[in-house]
C-alpha atoms as a PDB file:
ATOM      1  CA  MET A   1       0.000   0.000   0.000  1.00  0.00           C
ATOM      2  CA  PRO A   2       1.815   3.146  -1.142  1.00  0.00           C
ATOM      3  CA  ILE A   3       1.317   6.245   0.975  1.00  0.00           C
ATOM      4  CA  ILE A   4       2.205   9.483  -0.790  1.00  0.00           C
ATOM      5  CA  GLU A   5       2.568  12.606   1.347  1.00  0.00           C
ATOM      6  CA  VAL A   6       2.554  16.068  -0.216  1.00  0.00           C
ATOM      7  CA  ASN A   7       3.437  19.249   1.663  1.00  0.00           C
ATOM      8  CA  MET A   8       2.322  22.415  -0.081  1.00  0.00           C
ATOM      9  CA  LEU A   9       1.422  26.000   0.603  1.00  0.00           C
ATOM     10  CA  GLU A  10      -2.260  26.681   1.148  1.00  0.00           C
ATOM     11  CA  GLY A  11      -4.358  28.437  -1.442  1.00  0.00           C
ATOM     12  CA  ARG A  12      -5.052  25.896  -4.162  1.00  0.00           C
ATOM     13  CA  SER A  13      -8.608  25.213  -5.207  1.00  0.00           C
ATOM     14  CA  PRO A  14     -10.416  21.971  -4.340  1.00  0.00           C
ATOM     15  CA  ASP A  15     -10.408  21.116  -8.068  1.00  0.00           C
ATOM     16  CA  ASP A  16      -6.619  21.575  -8.244  1.00  0.00           C
ATOM     17  CA  LYS A  17      -6.171  19.257  -5.266  1.00  0.00           C
ATOM     18  CA  GLU A  18      -8.451  16.627  -6.804  1.00  0.00           C
ATOM     19  CA  ARG A  19      -6.420  16.733 -10.028  1.00  0.00           C
ATOM     20  CA  LEU A  20      -3.218  16.316  -8.033  1.00  0.00           C
ATOM     21  CA  ILE A  21      -4.682  13.350  -6.134  1.00  0.00           C
ATOM     22  CA  GLN A  22      -5.731  11.693  -9.399  1.00  0.00           C
ATOM     23  CA  ALA A  23      -2.338  12.304 -11.023  1.00  0.00           C
ATOM     24  CA  LEU A  24      -0.428  10.924  -8.034  1.00  0.00           C
ATOM     25  CA  THR A  25      -2.694   7.884  -7.859  1.00  0.00           C
ATOM     26  CA  ASP A  26      -2.252   7.236 -11.581  1.00  0.00           C
ATOM     27  CA  ALA A  27       1.536   7.617 -11.221  1.00  0.00           C
ATOM     28  CA  ALA A  28       1.634   5.004  -8.436  1.00  0.00           C
ATOM     29  CA  ILE A  29      -0.448   2.612 -10.509  1.00  0.00           C
ATOM     30  CA  THR A  30       1.700   3.100 -13.622  1.00  0.00           C
ATOM     31  CA  SER A  31       5.123   3.144 -11.978  1.00  0.00           C
ATOM     32  CA  ILE A  32       4.847   0.401  -9.355  1.00  0.00           C
ATOM     33  CA  GLY A  33       1.715  -1.475 -10.326  1.00  0.00           C
ATOM     34  CA  ALA A  34      -0.157  -0.532  -7.158  1.00  0.00           C
ATOM     35  CA  PRO A  35      -3.850  -1.413  -7.131  1.00  0.00           C
ATOM     36  CA  ARG A  36      -5.887   1.828  -7.263  1.00  0.00           C
ATOM     37  CA  GLU A  37      -7.735   1.016  -4.030  1.00  0.00           C
ATOM     38  CA  SER A  38      -4.440   0.626  -2.151  1.00  0.00           C
ATOM     39  CA  VAL A  39      -3.046   4.078  -2.984  1.00  0.00           C
ATOM     40  CA  ARG A  40      -3.214   6.586  -0.127  1.00  0.00           C
ATOM     41  CA  ILE A  41      -2.593  10.310  -0.597  1.00  0.00           C
ATOM     42  CA  ILE A  42      -2.028  12.753   2.257  1.00  0.00           C
ATOM     43  CA  LEU A  43      -2.116  16.465   1.409  1.00  0.00           C
ATOM     44  CA  ARG A  44      -0.722  18.784   4.047  1.00  0.00           C
ATOM     45  CA  GLU A  45      -1.320  22.461   3.501  1.00  0.00           C
ATOM     46  CA  MET A  46       0.631  25.052   5.421  1.00  0.00           C
ATOM     47  CA  PRO A  47       0.082  28.770   5.791  1.00  0.00           C
ATOM     48  CA  VAL A  48       2.492  30.909   3.759  1.00  0.00           C
ATOM     49  CA  GLY A  49       3.846  32.314   7.021  1.00  0.00           C
ATOM     50  CA  HIS A  50       4.993  28.827   8.046  1.00  0.00           C
ATOM     51  CA  PHE A  51       7.361  28.264   5.108  1.00  0.00           C
ATOM     52  CA  ALA A  52      10.534  30.201   4.447  1.00  0.00           C
ATOM     53  CA  VAL A  53      13.436  30.250   2.038  1.00  0.00           C
ATOM     54  CA  GLY A  54      16.613  32.204   2.610  1.00  0.00           C
ATOM     55  CA  GLY A  55      15.484  33.491   5.972  1.00  0.00           C
ATOM     56  CA  GLN A  56      12.219  35.019   4.745  1.00  0.00           C
ATOM     57  CA  SER A  57       8.740  33.533   4.926  1.00  0.00           C
ATOM     58  CA  PHE A  58       6.646  33.393   1.804  1.00  0.00           C
ATOM     59  CA  ALA A  59       4.153  35.695   3.545  1.00  0.00           C
ATOM     60  CA  ALA A  60       6.856  38.325   4.126  1.00  0.00           C
ATOM     61  CA  LYS A  61       8.119  37.876   0.568  1.00  0.00           C
ATOM     62  CA  ALA A  62       4.608  38.372  -0.837  1.00  0.00           C
ATOM     63  CA  ALA A  63       4.082  41.468   1.342  1.00  0.00           C
ATOM     64  CA  ALA A  64       7.374  42.965   0.162  1.00  0.00           C
ATOM     65  CA  LYS A  65       6.485  42.266  -3.467  1.00  0.00           C
ATOM     66  CA  ALA A  66       3.042  43.886  -3.019  1.00  0.00           C
ATOM     67  CA  ALA A  67       4.742  46.960  -1.539  1.00  0.00           C
ATOM     68  CA  GLY A  68       7.113  47.113  -4.529  1.00  0.00           C
ATOM     69  CA  GLN A  69      10.170  46.093  -2.525  1.00  0.00           C
ATOM     70  CA  ASP A  70      11.148  42.960  -4.451  1.00  0.00           C
END
């Protein structure tokens, strides 16, 4: 039973997440021959203020860009 975990920033639509789930499920079936009913997908969404690169959160980066300070 494959378990696929995805960490991503919040903000995607329910339709986008459904497409991702389908694509990941199909990839597991195609690549390792997993039965569809055995594939498990876990989506973990995090607020943009909880993810950072280079010492700056994505929330701070977005705020700076909106203020014209990129």
